[in-house]
Amino acid sequence: MKRSTFDALLSFLGGVSWAFVIVGAWVTFQSLVFLGIVPALMFTFLFIFLAIFLLLVLETMSMARERNDMLAKQNQLLEEIRDTVKAPSENSSQE
């Protein structure tokens, strides 16, 4: 199955987003550890929560794209079925 450029871009951004979550959580914790362990963990969890929310938005875009593609294929098949059913009934009414 051939993937579009948009699908490849979404897959790439998904991988980059997971890397951003991991590295960002580590950097957040390391940069705020001077405030203490509890505030550093609190801000790290806040960062992880926001980053995963944005990752879910990206995944939702991917699922919406797939659903749209599937609906377009179904619509095309239904139009073909309609045309094949309509064509014989038109021929028999002319005879």
PDB file of N, CA and C in Angstrom:
ATOM      1  N   MET A   1       0.839  -1.164   0.000  1.00  0.00           N
ATOM      2  CA  MET A   1       0.000   0.000   0.000  1.00  0.00           C
ATOM      3  C   MET A   1       0.895   1.242   0.000  1.00  0.00           C
ATOM      4  N   LYS A   2       0.624   2.143  -0.908  1.00  0.00           N
ATOM      5  CA  LYS A   2       1.421   3.350  -1.020  1.00  0.00           C
ATOM      6  C   LYS A   2       0.952   4.381   0.001  1.00  0.00           C
ATOM      7  N   ARG A   3       1.911   4.965   0.690  1.00  0.00           N
ATOM      8  CA  ARG A   3       1.586   5.972   1.691  1.00  0.00           C
ATOM      9  C   ARG A   3       1.802   7.348   1.091  1.00  0.00           C
ATOM     10  N   SER A   4       0.953   8.261   1.478  1.00  0.00           N
ATOM     11  CA  SER A   4       1.086   9.621   0.970  1.00  0.00           C
ATOM     12  C   SER A   4       2.158  10.360   1.765  1.00  0.00           C
ATOM     13  N   THR A   5       2.537  11.498   1.257  1.00  0.00           N
ATOM     14  CA  THR A   5       3.525  12.330   1.932  1.00  0.00           C
ATOM     15  C   THR A   5       2.994  12.791   3.279  1.00  0.00           C
ATOM     16  N   PHE A   6       1.700  13.069   3.349  1.00  0.00           N
ATOM     17  CA  PHE A   6       1.090  13.505   4.602  1.00  0.00           C
ATOM     18  C   PHE A   6       1.178  12.409   5.656  1.00  0.00           C
ATOM     19  N   ASP A   7       0.942  11.159   5.272  1.00  0.00           N
ATOM     20  CA  ASP A   7       1.044  10.041   6.216  1.00  0.00           C
ATOM     21  C   ASP A   7       2.479   9.857   6.689  1.00  0.00           C
ATOM     22  N   ALA A   8       3.418   9.975   5.784  1.00  0.00           N
ATOM     23  CA  ALA A   8       4.821   9.849   6.161  1.00  0.00           C
ATOM     24  C   ALA A   8       5.229  10.975   7.107  1.00  0.00           C
ATOM     25  N   LEU A   9       4.739  12.171   6.841  1.00  0.00           N
ATOM     26  CA  LEU A   9       5.041  13.307   7.710  1.00  0.00           C
ATOM     27  C   LEU A   9       4.451  13.102   9.096  1.00  0.00           C
ATOM     28  N   LEU A  10       3.214  12.605   9.174  1.00  0.00           N
ATOM     29  CA  LEU A  10       2.597  12.360  10.475  1.00  0.00           C
ATOM     30  C   LEU A  10       3.343  11.279  11.253  1.00  0.00           C
ATOM     31  N   SER A  11       3.807  10.235  10.568  1.00  0.00           N
ATOM     32  CA  SER A  11       4.579   9.190  11.241  1.00  0.00           C
ATOM     33  C   SER A  11       5.897   9.749  11.766  1.00  0.00           C
ATOM     34  N   PHE A  12       6.552  10.550  10.953  1.00  0.00           N
ATOM     35  CA  PHE A  12       7.810  11.164  11.383  1.00  0.00           C
ATOM     36  C   PHE A  12       7.584  12.071  12.586  1.00  0.00           C
ATOM     37  N   LEU A  13       6.543  12.904  12.522  1.00  0.00           N
ATOM     38  CA  LEU A  13       6.261  13.810  13.636  1.00  0.00           C
ATOM     39  C   LEU A  13       5.873  13.046  14.901  1.00  0.00           C
ATOM     40  N   GLY A  14       5.211  11.891  14.738  1.00  0.00           N
ATOM     41  CA  GLY A  14       4.896  11.069  15.899  1.00  0.00           C
ATOM     42  C   GLY A  14       6.150  10.567  16.587  1.00  0.00           C
ATOM     43  N   GLY A  15       7.110  10.092  15.816  1.00  0.00           N
ATOM     44  CA  GLY A  15       8.372   9.637  16.395  1.00  0.00           C
ATOM     45  C   GLY A  15       9.160  10.759  17.038  1.00  0.00           C
ATOM     46  N   VAL A  16       9.189  11.896  16.373  1.00  0.00           N
ATOM     47  CA  VAL A  16       9.896  13.051  16.925  1.00  0.00           C
ATOM     48  C   VAL A  16       9.215  13.520  18.210  1.00  0.00           C
ATOM     49  N   SER A  17       7.908  13.433  18.249  1.00  0.00           N
ATOM     50  CA  SER A  17       7.172  13.861  19.437  1.00  0.00           C
ATOM     51  C   SER A  17       7.497  12.985  20.640  1.00  0.00           C
ATOM     52  N   TRP A  18       7.590  11.666  20.419  1.00  0.00           N
ATOM     53  CA  TRP A  18       7.958  10.797  21.533  1.00  0.00           C
ATOM     54  C   TRP A  18       9.376  11.093  22.019  1.00  0.00           C
ATOM     55  N   ALA A  19      10.276  11.356  21.088  1.00  0.00           N
ATOM     56  CA  ALA A  19      11.643  11.724  21.485  1.00  0.00           C
ATOM     57  C   ALA A  19      11.629  13.038  22.262  1.00  0.00           C
ATOM     58  N   PHE A  20      10.791  13.980  21.819  1.00  0.00           N
ATOM     59  CA  PHE A  20      10.670  15.273  22.511  1.00  0.00           C
ATOM     60  C   PHE A  20      10.137  15.081  23.928  1.00  0.00           C
ATOM     61  N   VAL A  21       9.190  14.175  24.108  1.00  0.00           N
ATOM     62  CA  VAL A  21       8.641  13.912  25.440  1.00  0.00           C
ATOM     63  C   VAL A  21       9.727  13.375  26.366  1.00  0.00           C
ATOM     64  N   ILE A  22      10.490  12.412  25.882  1.00  0.00           N
ATOM     65  CA  ILE A  22      11.519  11.785  26.720  1.00  0.00           C
ATOM     66  C   ILE A  22      12.635  12.765  27.055  1.00  0.00           C
ATOM     67  N   VAL A  23      13.173  13.408  26.028  1.00  0.00           N
ATOM     68  CA  VAL A  23      14.281  14.346  26.258  1.00  0.00           C
ATOM     69  C   VAL A  23      13.793  15.567  27.039  1.00  0.00           C
ATOM     70  N   GLY A  24      12.608  16.075  26.714  1.00  0.00           N
ATOM     71  CA  GLY A  24      12.071  17.232  27.411  1.00  0.00           C
ATOM     72  C   GLY A  24      11.808  16.967  28.875  1.00  0.00           C
ATOM     73  N   ALA A  25      11.328  15.770  29.197  1.00  0.00           N
ATOM     74  CA  ALA A  25      11.102  15.429  30.607  1.00  0.00           C
ATOM     75  C   ALA A  25      12.424  15.380  31.360  1.00  0.00           C
ATOM     76  N   TRP A  26      13.434  14.809  30.735  1.00  0.00           N
ATOM     77  CA  TRP A  26      14.747  14.738  31.388  1.00  0.00           C
ATOM     78  C   TRP A  26      15.336  16.136  31.596  1.00  0.00           C
ATOM     79  N   VAL A  27      15.260  16.974  30.569  1.00  0.00           N
ATOM     80  CA  VAL A  27      15.804  18.330  30.671  1.00  0.00           C
ATOM     81  C   VAL A  27      15.018  19.149  31.702  1.00  0.00           C
ATOM     82  N   THR A  28      13.702  19.001  31.713  1.00  0.00           N
ATOM     83  CA  THR A  28      12.880  19.718  32.686  1.00  0.00           C
ATOM     84  C   THR A  28      13.257  19.312  34.107  1.00  0.00           C
ATOM     85  N   PHE A  29      13.384  18.021  34.327  1.00  0.00           N
ATOM     86  CA  PHE A  29      13.741  17.559  35.663  1.00  0.00           C
ATOM     87  C   PHE A  29      15.129  18.054  36.061  1.00  0.00           C
ATOM     88  N   GLN A  30      16.096  17.931  35.157  1.00  0.00           N
ATOM     89  CA  GLN A  30      17.461  18.330  35.479  1.00  0.00           C
ATOM     90  C   GLN A  30      17.585  19.837  35.705  1.00  0.00           C
ATOM     91  N   SER A  31      16.814  20.629  34.965  1.00  0.00           N
ATOM     92  CA  SER A  31      16.937  22.074  35.118  1.00  0.00           C
ATOM     93  C   SER A  31      16.192  22.597  36.349  1.00  0.00           C
ATOM     94  N   LEU A  32      15.242  21.832  36.877  1.00  0.00           N
ATOM     95  CA  LEU A  32      14.477  22.301  38.037  1.00  0.00           C
ATOM     96  C   LEU A  32      14.784  21.536  39.318  1.00  0.00           C
ATOM     97  N   VAL A  33      15.743  20.642  39.278  1.00  0.00           N
ATOM     98  CA  VAL A  33      16.067  19.860  40.471  1.00  0.00           C
ATOM     99  C   VAL A  33      16.659  20.748  41.576  1.00  0.00           C
ATOM    100  N   PHE A  34      17.196  21.913  41.235  1.00  0.00           N
ATOM    101  CA  PHE A  34      17.732  22.814  42.263  1.00  0.00           C
ATOM    102  C   PHE A  34      16.621  23.340  43.170  1.00  0.00           C
ATOM    103  N   LEU A  35      15.374  23.313  42.723  1.00  0.00           N
ATOM    104  CA  LEU A  35      14.250  23.736  43.558  1.00  0.00           C
ATOM    105  C   LEU A  35      13.851  22.652  44.556  1.00  0.00           C
ATOM    106  N   GLY A  36      14.294  21.438  44.308  1.00  0.00           N
ATOM    107  CA  GLY A  36      13.940  20.299  45.147  1.00  0.00           C
ATOM    108  C   GLY A  36      13.361  19.197  44.279  1.00  0.00           C
ATOM    109  N   ILE A  37      13.305  18.020  44.849  1.00  0.00           N
ATOM    110  CA  ILE A  37      12.828  16.865  44.089  1.00  0.00           C
ATOM    111  C   ILE A  37      11.326  16.977  43.793  1.00  0.00           C
ATOM    112  N   VAL A  38      10.538  17.375  44.774  1.00  0.00           N
ATOM    113  CA  VAL A  38       9.083  17.415  44.595  1.00  0.00           C
ATOM    114  C   VAL A  38       8.668  18.437  43.534  1.00  0.00           C
ATOM    115  N   PRO A  39       9.141  19.688  43.590  1.00  0.00           N
ATOM    116  CA  PRO A  39       8.760  20.615  42.516  1.00  0.00           C
ATOM    117  C   PRO A  39       9.281  20.191  41.141  1.00  0.00           C
ATOM    118  N   ALA A  40      10.479  19.619  41.105  1.00  0.00           N
ATOM    119  CA  ALA A  40      11.027  19.157  39.827  1.00  0.00           C
ATOM    120  C   ALA A  40      10.168  18.039  39.252  1.00  0.00           C
ATOM    121  N   LEU A  41       9.748  17.106  40.077  1.00  0.00           N
ATOM    122  CA  LEU A  41       8.876  16.032  39.603  1.00  0.00           C
ATOM    123  C   LEU A  41       7.512  16.563  39.184  1.00  0.00           C
ATOM    124  N   MET A  42       7.007  17.533  39.939  1.00  0.00           N
ATOM    125  CA  MET A  42       5.711  18.112  39.608  1.00  0.00           C
ATOM    126  C   MET A  42       5.751  18.796  38.237  1.00  0.00           C
ATOM    127  N   PHE A  43       6.763  19.605  37.994  1.00  0.00           N
ATOM    128  CA  PHE A  43       6.876  20.275  36.697  1.00  0.00           C
ATOM    129  C   PHE A  43       7.176  19.286  35.570  1.00  0.00           C
ATOM    130  N   THR A  44       7.922  18.234  35.882  1.00  0.00           N
ATOM    131  CA  THR A  44       8.206  17.215  34.879  1.00  0.00           C
ATOM    132  C   THR A  44       6.922  16.495  34.476  1.00  0.00           C
ATOM    133  N   PHE A  45       6.094  16.131  35.458  1.00  0.00           N
ATOM    134  CA  PHE A  45       4.818  15.487  35.142  1.00  0.00           C
ATOM    135  C   PHE A  45       3.897  16.429  34.377  1.00  0.00           C
ATOM    136  N   LEU A  46       3.932  17.701  34.712  1.00  0.00           N
ATOM    137  CA  LEU A  46       3.138  18.683  33.974  1.00  0.00           C
ATOM    138  C   LEU A  46       3.603  18.758  32.518  1.00  0.00           C
ATOM    139  N   PHE A  47       4.917  18.780  32.327  1.00  0.00           N
ATOM    140  CA  PHE A  47       5.461  18.795  30.968  1.00  0.00           C
ATOM    141  C   PHE A  47       5.055  17.533  30.200  1.00  0.00           C
ATOM    142  N   ILE A  48       5.175  16.371  30.848  1.00  0.00           N
ATOM    143  CA  ILE A  48       4.813  15.119  30.192  1.00  0.00           C
ATOM    144  C   ILE A  48       3.334  15.115  29.827  1.00  0.00           C
ATOM    145  N   PHE A  49       2.476  15.588  30.722  1.00  0.00           N
ATOM    146  CA  PHE A  49       1.047  15.643  30.457  1.00  0.00           C
ATOM    147  C   PHE A  49       0.748  16.502  29.232  1.00  0.00           C
ATOM    148  N   LEU A  50       1.334  17.694  29.170  1.00  0.00           N
ATOM    149  CA  LEU A  50       1.098  18.582  28.027  1.00  0.00           C
ATOM    150  C   LEU A  50       1.651  17.998  26.727  1.00  0.00           C
ATOM    151  N   ALA A  51       2.827  17.403  26.806  1.00  0.00           N
ATOM    152  CA  ALA A  51       3.438  16.838  25.597  1.00  0.00           C
ATOM    153  C   ALA A  51       2.640  15.644  25.081  1.00  0.00           C
ATOM    154  N   ILE A  52       2.158  14.800  25.967  1.00  0.00           N
ATOM    155  CA  ILE A  52       1.364  13.654  25.527  1.00  0.00           C
ATOM    156  C   ILE A  52       0.012  14.115  24.993  1.00  0.00           C
ATOM    157  N   PHE A  53      -0.547  15.187  25.549  1.00  0.00           N
ATOM    158  CA  PHE A  53      -1.780  15.743  24.999  1.00  0.00           C
ATOM    159  C   PHE A  53      -1.564  16.187  23.553  1.00  0.00           C
ATOM    160  N   LEU A  54      -0.456  16.868  23.286  1.00  0.00           N
ATOM    161  CA  LEU A  54      -0.163  17.290  21.916  1.00  0.00           C
ATOM    162  C   LEU A  54       0.099  16.088  21.013  1.00  0.00           C
ATOM    163  N   LEU A  55       0.693  15.041  21.562  1.00  0.00           N
ATOM    164  CA  LEU A  55       0.905  13.819  20.800  1.00  0.00           C
ATOM    165  C   LEU A  55      -0.429  13.164  20.449  1.00  0.00           C
ATOM    166  N   LEU A  56      -1.375  13.199  21.361  1.00  0.00           N
ATOM    167  CA  LEU A  56      -2.702  12.658  21.078  1.00  0.00           C
ATOM    168  C   LEU A  56      -3.426  13.468  20.009  1.00  0.00           C
ATOM    169  N   VAL A  57      -3.218  14.777  19.992  1.00  0.00           N
ATOM    170  CA  VAL A  57      -3.801  15.608  18.934  1.00  0.00           C
ATOM    171  C   VAL A  57      -3.232  15.184  17.578  1.00  0.00           C
ATOM    172  N   LEU A  58      -1.952  14.944  17.527  1.00  0.00           N
ATOM    173  CA  LEU A  58      -1.310  14.502  16.292  1.00  0.00           C
ATOM    174  C   LEU A  58      -1.848  13.141  15.853  1.00  0.00           C
ATOM    175  N   GLU A  59      -2.030  12.233  16.799  1.00  0.00           N
ATOM    176  CA  GLU A  59      -2.563  10.914  16.480  1.00  0.00           C
ATOM    177  C   GLU A  59      -4.016  11.007  16.023  1.00  0.00           C
ATOM    178  N   THR A  60      -4.771  11.916  16.600  1.00  0.00           N
ATOM    179  CA  THR A  60      -6.162  12.127  16.182  1.00  0.00           C
ATOM    180  C   THR A  60      -6.219  12.627  14.743  1.00  0.00           C
ATOM    181  N   MET A  61      -5.284  13.496  14.379  1.00  0.00           N
ATOM    182  CA  MET A  61      -5.212  13.951  12.991  1.00  0.00           C
ATOM    183  C   MET A  61      -4.960  12.775  12.048  1.00  0.00           C
ATOM    184  N   SER A  62      -4.099  11.874  12.445  1.00  0.00           N
ATOM    185  CA  SER A  62      -3.794  10.702  11.622  1.00  0.00           C
ATOM    186  C   SER A  62      -5.022   9.807  11.479  1.00  0.00           C
ATOM    187  N   MET A  63      -5.733   9.574  12.576  1.00  0.00           N
ATOM    188  CA  MET A  63      -6.927   8.722  12.508  1.00  0.00           C
ATOM    189  C   MET A  63      -8.025   9.381  11.688  1.00  0.00           C
ATOM    190  N   ALA A  64      -8.168  10.690  11.775  1.00  0.00           N
ATOM    191  CA  ALA A  64      -9.168  11.394  10.964  1.00  0.00           C
ATOM    192  C   ALA A  64      -8.827  11.284   9.488  1.00  0.00           C
ATOM    193  N   ARG A  65      -7.562  11.365   9.168  1.00  0.00           N
ATOM    194  CA  ARG A  65      -7.123  11.218   7.785  1.00  0.00           C
ATOM    195  C   ARG A  65      -7.448   9.820   7.248  1.00  0.00           C
ATOM    196  N   GLU A  66      -7.155   8.798   8.065  1.00  0.00           N
ATOM    197  CA  GLU A  66      -7.450   7.427   7.651  1.00  0.00           C
ATOM    198  C   GLU A  66      -8.955   7.226   7.462  1.00  0.00           C
ATOM    199  N   ARG A  67      -9.746   7.771   8.379  1.00  0.00           N
ATOM    200  CA  ARG A  67     -11.201   7.630   8.264  1.00  0.00           C
ATOM    201  C   ARG A  67     -11.713   8.328   7.010  1.00  0.00           C
ATOM    202  N   ASN A  68     -11.167   9.498   6.716  1.00  0.00           N
ATOM    203  CA  ASN A  68     -11.565  10.237   5.522  1.00  0.00           C
ATOM    204  C   ASN A  68     -11.216   9.457   4.251  1.00  0.00           C
ATOM    205  N   ASP A  69     -10.038   8.858   4.222  1.00  0.00           N
ATOM    206  CA  ASP A  69      -9.642   8.048   3.071  1.00  0.00           C
ATOM    207  C   ASP A  69     -10.558   6.842   2.904  1.00  0.00           C
ATOM    208  N   MET A  70     -10.912   6.205   4.021  1.00  0.00           N
ATOM    209  CA  MET A  70     -11.790   5.039   3.957  1.00  0.00           C
ATOM    210  C   MET A  70     -13.178   5.437   3.470  1.00  0.00           C
ATOM    211  N   LEU A  71     -13.698   6.555   3.932  1.00  0.00           N
ATOM    212  CA  LEU A  71     -15.010   7.018   3.475  1.00  0.00           C
ATOM    213  C   LEU A  71     -14.993   7.360   1.986  1.00  0.00           C
ATOM    214  N   ALA A  72     -13.886   7.918   1.510  1.00  0.00           N
ATOM    215  CA  ALA A  72     -13.781   8.226   0.084  1.00  0.00           C
ATOM    216  C   ALA A  72     -13.795   6.941  -0.748  1.00  0.00           C
ATOM    217  N   LYS A  73     -13.097   5.903  -0.281  1.00  0.00           N
ATOM    218  CA  LYS A  73     -13.103   4.625  -0.997  1.00  0.00           C
ATOM    219  C   LYS A  73     -14.495   4.003  -0.996  1.00  0.00           C
ATOM    220  N   GLN A  74     -15.167   4.056   0.152  1.00  0.00           N
ATOM    221  CA  GLN A  74     -16.514   3.493   0.231  1.00  0.00           C
ATOM    222  C   GLN A  74     -17.473   4.254  -0.682  1.00  0.00           C
ATOM    223  N   ASN A  75     -17.327   5.564  -0.711  1.00  0.00           N
ATOM    224  CA  ASN A  75     -18.182   6.381  -1.567  1.00  0.00           C
ATOM    225  C   ASN A  75     -17.970   6.028  -3.040  1.00  0.00           C
ATOM    226  N   GLN A  76     -16.728   5.844  -3.426  1.00  0.00           N
ATOM    227  CA  GLN A  76     -16.417   5.479  -4.807  1.00  0.00           C
ATOM    228  C   GLN A  76     -17.021   4.119  -5.158  1.00  0.00           C
ATOM    229  N   LEU A  77     -16.907   3.151  -4.256  1.00  0.00           N
ATOM    230  CA  LEU A  77     -17.486   1.832  -4.504  1.00  0.00           C
ATOM    231  C   LEU A  77     -19.008   1.898  -4.601  1.00  0.00           C
ATOM    232  N   LEU A  78     -19.625   2.674  -3.729  1.00  0.00           N
ATOM    233  CA  LEU A  78     -21.080   2.806  -3.781  1.00  0.00           C
ATOM    234  C   LEU A  78     -21.541   3.461  -5.075  1.00  0.00           C
ATOM    235  N   GLU A  79     -20.799   4.439  -5.562  1.00  0.00           N
ATOM    236  CA  GLU A  79     -21.146   5.068  -6.837  1.00  0.00           C
ATOM    237  C   GLU A  79     -21.001   4.079  -7.989  1.00  0.00           C
ATOM    238  N   GLU A  80     -19.973   3.245  -7.955  1.00  0.00           N
ATOM    239  CA  GLU A  80     -19.807   2.231  -8.994  1.00  0.00           C
ATOM    240  C   GLU A  80     -20.956   1.223  -8.956  1.00  0.00           C
ATOM    241  N   ILE A  81     -21.348   0.806  -7.756  1.00  0.00           N
ATOM    242  CA  ILE A  81     -22.470  -0.131  -7.624  1.00  0.00           C
ATOM    243  C   ILE A  81     -23.754   0.514  -8.138  1.00  0.00           C
ATOM    244  N   ARG A  82     -23.969   1.771  -7.786  1.00  0.00           N
ATOM    245  CA  ARG A  82     -25.166   2.474  -8.244  1.00  0.00           C
ATOM    246  C   ARG A  82     -25.191   2.551  -9.769  1.00  0.00           C
ATOM    247  N   ASP A  83     -24.041   2.852 -10.370  1.00  0.00           N
ATOM    248  CA  ASP A  83     -23.981   2.961 -11.829  1.00  0.00           C
ATOM    249  C   ASP A  83     -24.224   1.618 -12.508  1.00  0.00           C
ATOM    250  N   THR A  84     -23.697   0.544 -11.929  1.00  0.00           N
ATOM    251  CA  THR A  84     -23.915  -0.763 -12.542  1.00  0.00           C
ATOM    252  C   THR A  84     -25.359  -1.231 -12.372  1.00  0.00           C
ATOM    253  N   VAL A  85     -25.984  -0.886 -11.268  1.00  0.00           N
ATOM    254  CA  VAL A  85     -27.383  -1.262 -11.067  1.00  0.00           C
ATOM    255  C   VAL A  85     -28.291  -0.402 -11.930  1.00  0.00           C
ATOM    256  N   LYS A  86     -27.960   0.853 -12.074  1.00  0.00           N
ATOM    257  CA  LYS A  86     -28.791   1.777 -12.857  1.00  0.00           C
ATOM    258  C   LYS A  86     -28.688   1.478 -14.352  1.00  0.00           C
ATOM    259  N   ALA A  87     -27.531   1.092 -14.835  1.00  0.00           N
ATOM    260  CA  ALA A  87     -27.326   0.873 -16.263  1.00  0.00           C
ATOM    261  C   ALA A  87     -28.202  -0.261 -16.816  1.00  0.00           C
ATOM    262  N   PRO A  88     -28.279  -1.443 -16.219  1.00  0.00           N
ATOM    263  CA  PRO A  88     -29.144  -2.500 -16.772  1.00  0.00           C
ATOM    264  C   PRO A  88     -30.628  -2.133 -16.700  1.00  0.00           C
ATOM    265  N   SER A  89     -31.051  -1.447 -15.676  1.00  0.00           N
ATOM    266  CA  SER A  89     -32.472  -1.089 -15.588  1.00  0.00           C
ATOM    267  C   SER A  89     -32.834  -0.071 -16.654  1.00  0.00           C
ATOM    268  N   GLU A  90     -31.927   0.789 -17.057  1.00  0.00           N
ATOM    269  CA  GLU A  90     -32.182   1.758 -18.134  1.00  0.00           C
ATOM    270  C   GLU A  90     -32.261   1.034 -19.481  1.00  0.00           C
ATOM    271  N   ASN A  91     -31.417   0.038 -19.697  1.00  0.00           N
ATOM    272  CA  ASN A  91     -31.420  -0.712 -20.946  1.00  0.00           C
ATOM    273  C   ASN A  91     -32.712  -1.524 -21.099  1.00  0.00           C
ATOM    274  N   SER A  92     -33.196  -2.111 -20.022  1.00  0.00           N
ATOM    275  CA  SER A  92     -34.410  -2.931 -20.109  1.00  0.00           C
ATOM    276  C   SER A  92     -35.649  -2.065 -20.305  1.00  0.00           C
ATOM    277  N   SER A  93     -35.656  -0.846 -19.812  1.00  0.00           N
ATOM    278  CA  SER A  93     -36.830   0.029 -19.997  1.00  0.00           C
ATOM    279  C   SER A  93     -36.892   0.564 -21.422  1.00  0.00           C
ATOM    280  N   GLN A  94     -35.765   0.620 -22.131  1.00  0.00           N
ATOM    281  CA  GLN A  94     -35.758   1.120 -23.516  1.00  0.00           C
ATOM    282  C   GLN A  94     -36.244   0.053 -24.481  1.00  0.00           C
ATOM    283  N   GLU A  95     -36.166  -1.210 -24.111  1.00  0.00           N
ATOM    284  CA  GLU A  95     -36.568  -2.298 -25.021  1.00  0.00           C
ATOM    285  C   GLU A  95     -38.010  -2.480 -25.075  1.00  0.00           C
TER     286      GLU A  95
END
